[in-house]
PDB file of N, CA and C in Angstrom:
ATOM      1  N   MET A   1    -140.033  23.426 139.439  1.00  0.00           N
ATOM      2  CA  MET A   1    -139.336  23.379 137.647  1.00  0.00           C
ATOM      3  C   MET A   1    -139.984  22.890 136.803  1.00  0.00           C
ATOM      4  N   ALA A   2    -140.576  23.053 135.754  1.00  0.00           N
ATOM      5  CA  ALA A   2    -140.863  22.308 134.741  1.00  0.00           C
ATOM      6  C   ALA A   2    -139.996  21.576 134.142  1.00  0.00           C
ATOM      7  N   ARG A   3    -140.075  20.986 133.532  1.00  0.00           N
ATOM      8  CA  ARG A   3    -139.650  19.627 132.956  1.00  0.00           C
ATOM      9  C   ARG A   3    -139.312  19.545 131.534  1.00  0.00           C
ATOM     10  N   VAL A   4    -138.394  20.169 131.129  1.00  0.00           N
ATOM     11  CA  VAL A   4    -138.310  20.644 129.777  1.00  0.00           C
ATOM     12  C   VAL A   4    -137.190  19.306 128.567  1.00  0.00           C
ATOM     13  N   GLU A   5    -137.932  19.065 127.299  1.00  0.00           N
ATOM     14  CA  GLU A   5    -137.205  18.148 126.531  1.00  0.00           C
ATOM     15  C   GLU A   5    -136.745  19.028 125.397  1.00  0.00           C
ATOM     16  N   MET A   6    -136.152  18.494 124.922  1.00  0.00           N
ATOM     17  CA  MET A   6    -135.534  18.902 123.513  1.00  0.00           C
ATOM     18  C   MET A   6    -134.606  17.851 122.872  1.00  0.00           C
ATOM     19  N   TYR A   7    -135.491  17.935 121.333  1.00  0.00           N
ATOM     20  CA  TYR A   7    -134.669  17.138 120.462  1.00  0.00           C
ATOM     21  C   TYR A   7    -133.825  17.897 119.462  1.00  0.00           C
ATOM     22  N   LEU A   8    -132.650  17.423 119.550  1.00  0.00           N
ATOM     23  CA  LEU A   8    -131.776  18.602 118.452  1.00  0.00           C
ATOM     24  C   LEU A   8    -130.634  17.552 117.611  1.00  0.00           C
ATOM     25  N   LYS A   9    -129.860  18.404 116.733  1.00  0.00           N
ATOM     26  CA  LYS A   9    -128.337  17.824 116.071  1.00  0.00           C
ATOM     27  C   LYS A   9    -127.410  18.443 116.971  1.00  0.00           C
ATOM     28  N   SER A  10    -126.201  17.820 117.229  1.00  0.00           N
ATOM     29  CA  SER A  10    -125.536  18.380 117.637  1.00  0.00           C
ATOM     30  C   SER A  10    -123.978  19.930 116.484  1.00  0.00           C
ATOM     31  N   THR A  11    -124.945  19.762 115.391  1.00  0.00           N
ATOM     32  CA  THR A  11    -124.506  20.813 114.495  1.00  0.00           C
ATOM     33  C   THR A  11    -125.411  22.099 114.254  1.00  0.00           C
ATOM     34  N   CYS A  12    -126.709  22.182 114.857  1.00  0.00           N
ATOM     35  CA  CYS A  12    -127.463  23.124 114.640  1.00  0.00           C
ATOM     36  C   CYS A  12    -127.703  24.779 115.391  1.00  0.00           C
ATOM     37  N   PRO A  13    -127.282  25.504 114.454  1.00  0.00           N
ATOM     38  CA  PRO A  13    -127.051  27.009 115.210  1.00  0.00           C
ATOM     39  C   PRO A  13    -128.699  27.152 116.042  1.00  0.00           C
ATOM     40  N   TYR A  14    -130.098  26.715 115.701  1.00  0.00           N
ATOM     41  CA  TYR A  14    -131.504  27.191 116.386  1.00  0.00           C
ATOM     42  C   TYR A  14    -131.403  26.143 117.815  1.00  0.00           C
ATOM     43  N   CYS A  15    -130.796  25.037 117.561  1.00  0.00           N
ATOM     44  CA  CYS A  15    -130.323  24.345 119.066  1.00  0.00           C
ATOM     45  C   CYS A  15    -129.570  25.081 120.175  1.00  0.00           C
ATOM     46  N   PHE A  16    -128.632  25.424 119.600  1.00  0.00           N
ATOM     47  CA  PHE A  16    -127.601  26.433 120.217  1.00  0.00           C
ATOM     48  C   PHE A  16    -128.515  27.665 120.729  1.00  0.00           C
ATOM     49  N   ARG A  17    -129.421  28.570 119.860  1.00  0.00           N
ATOM     50  CA  ARG A  17    -129.747  29.384 120.533  1.00  0.00           C
ATOM     51  C   ARG A  17    -130.914  29.167 121.282  1.00  0.00           C
ATOM     52  N   ALA A  18    -131.738  28.019 121.109  1.00  0.00           N
ATOM     53  CA  ALA A  18    -132.896  27.306 121.685  1.00  0.00           C
ATOM     54  C   ALA A  18    -131.873  27.428 123.799  1.00  0.00           C
ATOM     55  N   LYS A  19    -131.225  26.252 123.360  1.00  0.00           N
ATOM     56  CA  LYS A  19    -130.139  25.857 124.331  1.00  0.00           C
ATOM     57  C   LYS A  19    -129.656  26.984 125.362  1.00  0.00           C
ATOM     58  N   ASP A  20    -129.170  27.967 124.521  1.00  0.00           N
ATOM     59  CA  ASP A  20    -128.837  29.334 125.157  1.00  0.00           C
ATOM     60  C   ASP A  20    -129.893  29.857 126.387  1.00  0.00           C
ATOM     61  N   LEU A  21    -130.945  30.445 125.725  1.00  0.00           N
ATOM     62  CA  LEU A  21    -131.896  30.650 126.360  1.00  0.00           C
ATOM     63  C   LEU A  21    -132.619  29.940 127.303  1.00  0.00           C
ATOM     64  N   LEU A  22    -132.831  28.742 127.354  1.00  0.00           N
ATOM     65  CA  LEU A  22    -133.433  28.209 128.279  1.00  0.00           C
ATOM     66  C   LEU A  22    -131.767  28.127 129.467  1.00  0.00           C
ATOM     67  N   ARG A  23    -130.716  27.668 129.366  1.00  0.00           N
ATOM     68  CA  ARG A  23    -129.561  28.307 130.231  1.00  0.00           C
ATOM     69  C   ARG A  23    -129.869  29.235 131.088  1.00  0.00           C
ATOM     70  N   ALA A  24    -130.368  30.539 130.524  1.00  0.00           N
ATOM     71  CA  ALA A  24    -130.082  31.938 130.876  1.00  0.00           C
ATOM     72  C   ALA A  24    -131.207  31.842 131.742  1.00  0.00           C
ATOM     73  N   LYS A  25    -131.931  31.145 132.098  1.00  0.00           N
ATOM     74  CA  LYS A  25    -133.255  31.001 132.815  1.00  0.00           C
ATOM     75  C   LYS A  25    -132.756  30.277 133.790  1.00  0.00           C
ATOM     76  N   GLY A  26    -131.969  29.352 133.519  1.00  0.00           N
ATOM     77  CA  GLY A  26    -131.747  28.192 134.794  1.00  0.00           C
ATOM     78  C   GLY A  26    -131.979  27.184 134.701  1.00  0.00           C
ATOM     79  N   ILE A  27    -132.244  26.983 133.118  1.00  0.00           N
ATOM     80  CA  ILE A  27    -133.387  25.431 132.683  1.00  0.00           C
ATOM     81  C   ILE A  27    -132.388  24.774 132.150  1.00  0.00           C
ATOM     82  N   ARG A  28    -132.254  23.423 132.477  1.00  0.00           N
ATOM     83  CA  ARG A  28    -131.088  22.323 131.703  1.00  0.00           C
ATOM     84  C   ARG A  28    -131.988  21.278 131.291  1.00  0.00           C
ATOM     85  N   ALA A  29    -132.284  21.279 129.376  1.00  0.00           N
ATOM     86  CA  ALA A  29    -133.406  20.522 129.174  1.00  0.00           C
ATOM     87  C   ALA A  29    -132.642  18.839 128.976  1.00  0.00           C
ATOM     88  N   GLU A  30    -133.329  18.159 129.244  1.00  0.00           N
ATOM     89  CA  GLU A  30    -133.273  16.533 128.884  1.00  0.00           C
ATOM     90  C   GLU A  30    -133.216  16.878 127.164  1.00  0.00           C
ATOM     91  N   GLU A  31    -131.828  16.185 126.777  1.00  0.00           N
ATOM     92  CA  GLU A  31    -131.503  16.839 125.323  1.00  0.00           C
ATOM     93  C   GLU A  31    -131.637  14.812 124.678  1.00  0.00           C
ATOM     94  N   TYR A  32    -132.234  14.850 123.235  1.00  0.00           N
ATOM     95  CA  TYR A  32    -132.026  13.883 122.486  1.00  0.00           C
ATOM     96  C   TYR A  32    -131.516  14.376 121.271  1.00  0.00           C
ATOM     97  N   ASN A  33    -130.550  13.808 121.235  1.00  0.00           N
ATOM     98  CA  ASN A  33    -129.544  14.070 120.181  1.00  0.00           C
ATOM     99  C   ASN A  33    -130.035  12.911 118.952  1.00  0.00           C
ATOM    100  N   ILE A  34    -130.333  13.856 117.916  1.00  0.00           N
ATOM    101  CA  ILE A  34    -130.715  13.118 116.321  1.00  0.00           C
ATOM    102  C   ILE A  34    -129.958  12.698 115.473  1.00  0.00           C
ATOM    103  N   ASP A  35    -128.925  13.149 115.665  1.00  0.00           N
ATOM    104  CA  ASP A  35    -127.726  13.281 114.683  1.00  0.00           C
ATOM    105  C   ASP A  35    -127.806  11.853 113.630  1.00  0.00           C
ATOM    106  N   ALA A  36    -127.978  10.644 114.630  1.00  0.00           N
ATOM    107  CA  ALA A  36    -128.169   9.329 113.781  1.00  0.00           C
ATOM    108  C   ALA A  36    -129.329   8.724 113.346  1.00  0.00           C
ATOM    109  N   GLY A  37    -130.491  10.185 113.282  1.00  0.00           N
ATOM    110  CA  GLY A  37    -131.965   9.569 112.810  1.00  0.00           C
ATOM    111  C   GLY A  37    -132.191   8.153 114.225  1.00  0.00           C
ATOM    112  N   GLY A  38    -132.684   7.532 113.718  1.00  0.00           N
ATOM    113  CA  GLY A  38    -133.034   5.915 114.766  1.00  0.00           C
ATOM    114  C   GLY A  38    -134.832   6.540 115.608  1.00  0.00           C
ATOM    115  N   PRO A  39    -134.853   6.050 116.787  1.00  0.00           N
ATOM    116  CA  PRO A  39    -136.360   5.946 117.219  1.00  0.00           C
ATOM    117  C   PRO A  39    -136.497   7.043 117.663  1.00  0.00           C
ATOM    118  N   LYS A  40    -135.304   7.947 118.295  1.00  0.00           N
ATOM    119  CA  LYS A  40    -135.696   9.150 119.075  1.00  0.00           C
ATOM    120  C   LYS A  40    -136.220   9.989 117.778  1.00  0.00           C
ATOM    121  N   ARG A  41    -135.647  10.009 116.608  1.00  0.00           N
ATOM    122  CA  ARG A  41    -135.696  10.816 115.787  1.00  0.00           C
ATOM    123  C   ARG A  41    -137.594  10.787 115.484  1.00  0.00           C
ATOM    124  N   SER A  42    -138.052   9.365 114.875  1.00  0.00           N
ATOM    125  CA  SER A  42    -139.352   9.273 115.241  1.00  0.00           C
ATOM    126  C   SER A  42    -139.775   9.591 115.951  1.00  0.00           C
ATOM    127  N   GLU A  43    -139.607   9.195 116.782  1.00  0.00           N
ATOM    128  CA  GLU A  43    -140.276   9.712 118.313  1.00  0.00           C
ATOM    129  C   GLU A  43    -140.482  11.413 118.110  1.00  0.00           C
ATOM    130  N   MET A  44    -139.575  12.139 117.715  1.00  0.00           N
ATOM    131  CA  MET A  44    -139.494  13.452 117.610  1.00  0.00           C
ATOM    132  C   MET A  44    -140.950  13.583 116.925  1.00  0.00           C
ATOM    133  N   ILE A  45    -140.903  12.902 115.350  1.00  0.00           N
ATOM    134  CA  ILE A  45    -141.946  12.953 114.561  1.00  0.00           C
ATOM    135  C   ILE A  45    -143.063  13.103 114.999  1.00  0.00           C
ATOM    136  N   ASP A  46    -143.321  11.615 115.371  1.00  0.00           N
ATOM    137  CA  ASP A  46    -144.582  11.636 116.335  1.00  0.00           C
ATOM    138  C   ASP A  46    -145.471  12.672 117.384  1.00  0.00           C
ATOM    139  N   ARG A  47    -144.263  13.241 118.246  1.00  0.00           N
ATOM    140  CA  ARG A  47    -144.413  13.649 119.436  1.00  0.00           C
ATOM    141  C   ARG A  47    -144.983  14.873 118.338  1.00  0.00           C
ATOM    142  N   SER A  48    -144.483  15.929 117.894  1.00  0.00           N
ATOM    143  CA  SER A  48    -144.330  16.797 117.456  1.00  0.00           C
ATOM    144  C   SER A  48    -144.921  16.916 115.604  1.00  0.00           C
ATOM    145  N   GLY A  49    -145.364  16.549 115.016  1.00  0.00           N
ATOM    146  CA  GLY A  49    -145.731  16.291 113.773  1.00  0.00           C
ATOM    147  C   GLY A  49    -144.796  17.276 113.044  1.00  0.00           C
ATOM    148  N   ARG A  50    -143.280  17.398 113.312  1.00  0.00           N
ATOM    149  CA  ARG A  50    -142.521  18.192 112.587  1.00  0.00           C
ATOM    150  C   ARG A  50    -141.388  17.688 112.613  1.00  0.00           C
ATOM    151  N   MET A  51    -140.458  17.850 111.140  1.00  0.00           N
ATOM    152  CA  MET A  51    -139.373  17.456 110.809  1.00  0.00           C
ATOM    153  C   MET A  51    -137.895  17.873 111.161  1.00  0.00           C
ATOM    154  N   THR A  52    -138.125  19.300 111.972  1.00  0.00           N
ATOM    155  CA  THR A  52    -136.728  20.017 111.967  1.00  0.00           C
ATOM    156  C   THR A  52    -136.598  19.967 113.611  1.00  0.00           C
ATOM    157  N   VAL A  53    -135.264  20.226 113.775  1.00  0.00           N
ATOM    158  CA  VAL A  53    -134.807  20.485 115.117  1.00  0.00           C
ATOM    159  C   VAL A  53    -134.439  22.128 115.365  1.00  0.00           C
ATOM    160  N   PRO A  54    -135.093  22.337 116.454  1.00  0.00           N
ATOM    161  CA  PRO A  54    -134.573  21.796 117.861  1.00  0.00           C
ATOM    162  C   PRO A  54    -136.191  21.694 117.504  1.00  0.00           C
ATOM    163  N   GLN A  55    -137.056  20.278 118.025  1.00  0.00           N
ATOM    164  CA  GLN A  55    -138.574  20.696 118.638  1.00  0.00           C
ATOM    165  C   GLN A  55    -138.023  20.339 120.420  1.00  0.00           C
ATOM    166  N   ILE A  56    -139.144  21.434 121.217  1.00  0.00           N
ATOM    167  CA  ILE A  56    -139.229  21.527 122.274  1.00  0.00           C
ATOM    168  C   ILE A  56    -140.135  21.117 122.791  1.00  0.00           C
ATOM    169  N   PHE A  57    -140.301  20.395 124.192  1.00  0.00           N
ATOM    170  CA  PHE A  57    -141.605  20.456 125.724  1.00  0.00           C
ATOM    171  C   PHE A  57    -141.241  20.826 126.400  1.00  0.00           C
ATOM    172  N   ILE A  58    -142.249  21.519 127.026  1.00  0.00           N
ATOM    173  CA  ILE A  58    -142.256  21.830 128.209  1.00  0.00           C
ATOM    174  C   ILE A  58    -143.118  20.912 128.927  1.00  0.00           C
ATOM    175  N   ASP A  59    -142.621  20.391 129.896  1.00  0.00           N
ATOM    176  CA  ASP A  59    -143.945  19.531 130.796  1.00  0.00           C
ATOM    177  C   ASP A  59    -144.831  18.393 129.581  1.00  0.00           C
ATOM    178  N   GLY A  60    -144.459  18.106 129.184  1.00  0.00           N
ATOM    179  CA  GLY A  60    -145.066  17.428 127.714  1.00  0.00           C
ATOM    180  C   GLY A  60    -145.712  18.166 126.826  1.00  0.00           C
ATOM    181  N   ARG A  61    -145.704  19.072 126.881  1.00  0.00           N
ATOM    182  CA  ARG A  61    -146.621  20.449 125.914  1.00  0.00           C
ATOM    183  C   ARG A  61    -145.291  20.335 125.079  1.00  0.00           C
ATOM    184  N   HIS A  62    -145.684  20.543 123.823  1.00  0.00           N
ATOM    185  CA  HIS A  62    -145.079  20.658 122.390  1.00  0.00           C
ATOM    186  C   HIS A  62    -145.049  22.362 122.335  1.00  0.00           C
ATOM    187  N   VAL A  63    -143.388  22.980 122.399  1.00  0.00           N
ATOM    188  CA  VAL A  63    -144.483  24.324 122.420  1.00  0.00           C
ATOM    189  C   VAL A  63    -143.609  24.931 120.638  1.00  0.00           C
ATOM    190  N   GLY A  64    -142.864  23.829 120.067  1.00  0.00           N
ATOM    191  CA  GLY A  64    -142.522  24.274 118.932  1.00  0.00           C
ATOM    192  C   GLY A  64    -140.755  24.072 118.762  1.00  0.00           C
ATOM    193  N   GLY A  65    -140.161  25.431 117.749  1.00  0.00           N
ATOM    194  CA  GLY A  65    -138.730  25.009 117.784  1.00  0.00           C
ATOM    195  C   GLY A  65    -138.095  26.444 118.340  1.00  0.00           C
ATOM    196  N   CYS A  66    -136.989  26.785 117.997  1.00  0.00           N
ATOM    197  CA  CYS A  66    -136.164  28.330 118.565  1.00  0.00           C
ATOM    198  C   CYS A  66    -136.713  29.145 118.234  1.00  0.00           C
ATOM    199  N   ASP A  67    -137.278  29.163 117.068  1.00  0.00           N
ATOM    200  CA  ASP A  67    -138.343  30.854 116.768  1.00  0.00           C
ATOM    201  C   ASP A  67    -139.610  30.692 117.933  1.00  0.00           C
ATOM    202  N   ASP A  68    -140.229  29.841 117.720  1.00  0.00           N
ATOM    203  CA  ASP A  68    -141.711  29.629 118.973  1.00  0.00           C
ATOM    204  C   ASP A  68    -140.986  29.552 120.027  1.00  0.00           C
ATOM    205  N   LEU A  69    -139.883  29.288 121.035  1.00  0.00           N
ATOM    206  CA  LEU A  69    -140.021  29.556 121.936  1.00  0.00           C
ATOM    207  C   LEU A  69    -139.181  30.973 122.109  1.00  0.00           C
ATOM    208  N   PHE A  70    -138.448  31.811 121.263  1.00  0.00           N
ATOM    209  CA  PHE A  70    -138.267  33.015 121.562  1.00  0.00           C
ATOM    210  C   PHE A  70    -139.645  34.043 121.502  1.00  0.00           C
ATOM    211  N   ALA A  71    -140.494  33.335 120.108  1.00  0.00           N
ATOM    212  CA  ALA A  71    -141.480  34.078 120.490  1.00  0.00           C
ATOM    213  C   ALA A  71    -142.547  33.868 121.852  1.00  0.00           C
ATOM    214  N   LEU A  72    -142.257  32.801 122.591  1.00  0.00           N
ATOM    215  CA  LEU A  72    -143.384  32.838 124.020  1.00  0.00           C
ATOM    216  C   LEU A  72    -142.108  33.792 124.930  1.00  0.00           C
ATOM    217  N   GLU A  73    -140.871  33.694 124.670  1.00  0.00           N
ATOM    218  CA  GLU A  73    -140.081  34.712 125.509  1.00  0.00           C
ATOM    219  C   GLU A  73    -140.433  36.403 125.461  1.00  0.00           C
ATOM    220  N   ARG A  74    -140.812  36.682 123.641  1.00  0.00           N
ATOM    221  CA  ARG A  74    -141.017  37.949 122.920  1.00  0.00           C
ATOM    222  C   ARG A  74    -142.438  38.017 124.380  1.00  0.00           C
ATOM    223  N   GLU A  75    -142.985  37.503 124.567  1.00  0.00           N
ATOM    224  CA  GLU A  75    -144.481  37.727 124.705  1.00  0.00           C
ATOM    225  C   GLU A  75    -144.746  37.690 126.214  1.00  0.00           C
ATOM    226  N   GLY A  76    -143.788  37.191 126.983  1.00  0.00           N
ATOM    227  CA  GLY A  76    -143.625  37.443 127.853  1.00  0.00           C
ATOM    228  C   GLY A  76    -144.592  35.975 128.433  1.00  0.00           C
ATOM    229  N   LYS A  77    -144.327  34.835 128.148  1.00  0.00           N
ATOM    230  CA  LYS A  77    -145.330  33.412 128.440  1.00  0.00           C
ATOM    231  C   LYS A  77    -144.186  32.454 129.027  1.00  0.00           C
ATOM    232  N   LEU A  78    -142.823  32.696 128.753  1.00  0.00           N
ATOM    233  CA  LEU A  78    -142.305  31.783 128.480  1.00  0.00           C
ATOM    234  C   LEU A  78    -141.972  31.586 130.021  1.00  0.00           C
ATOM    235  N   ASP A  79    -141.372  32.136 130.942  1.00  0.00           N
ATOM    236  CA  ASP A  79    -141.478  32.210 132.128  1.00  0.00           C
ATOM    237  C   ASP A  79    -142.704  31.541 132.874  1.00  0.00           C
ATOM    238  N   ALA A  80    -143.830  31.848 132.508  1.00  0.00           N
ATOM    239  CA  ALA A  80    -144.793  31.065 133.440  1.00  0.00           C
ATOM    240  C   ALA A  80    -144.675  29.437 133.063  1.00  0.00           C
ATOM    241  N   LEU A  81    -144.570  29.096 131.748  1.00  0.00           N
ATOM    242  CA  LEU A  81    -144.726  27.796 130.867  1.00  0.00           C
ATOM    243  C   LEU A  81    -143.492  26.691 132.035  1.00  0.00           C
ATOM    244  N   LEU A  82    -142.559  28.043 132.137  1.00  0.00           N
ATOM    245  CA  LEU A  82    -141.134  26.992 133.137  1.00  0.00           C
ATOM    246  C   LEU A  82    -141.263  26.966 134.862  1.00  0.00           C
ATOM    247  N   ALA A  83    -141.933  28.279 134.675  1.00  0.00           N
ATOM    248  CA  ALA A  83    -142.493  27.562 136.809  1.00  0.00           C
ATOM    249  C   ALA A  83    -143.169  26.703 137.100  1.00  0.00           C
ATOM    250  N   ALA A  84    -143.547  26.417 136.107  1.00  0.00           N
ATOM    251  CA  ALA A  84    -144.804  25.318 136.045  1.00  0.00           C
ATOM    252  C   ALA A  84    -144.948  24.028 136.881  1.00  0.00           C
TER     253      ALA A  84
END
C-alpha cells in the first residue's frame, strides 16, 4: 500500500472531500494540519509549489489538490498509484 500524505486545514471542505475519497478506498493519509501556518506550511509550499490546501502526495510524488485527486479517480489512475 502506498504512503499518502496530505497537508490540510481543519475547516477546508476540499480537504474533507479528498479524505472521504481516500477513506472509501481504505487509505488513511498522514495528515499535516497547517491551520496555524508554521514550518509544515512552509514545507508544503516547498514540496508542492502551491499555497492552497489540500496538497496530496502519494509515495512522495505530488499529485496535487482535491480536484487533481478526483481527476485521477475519473481517469482510472488513482487505484494504481495507491496500490504501489
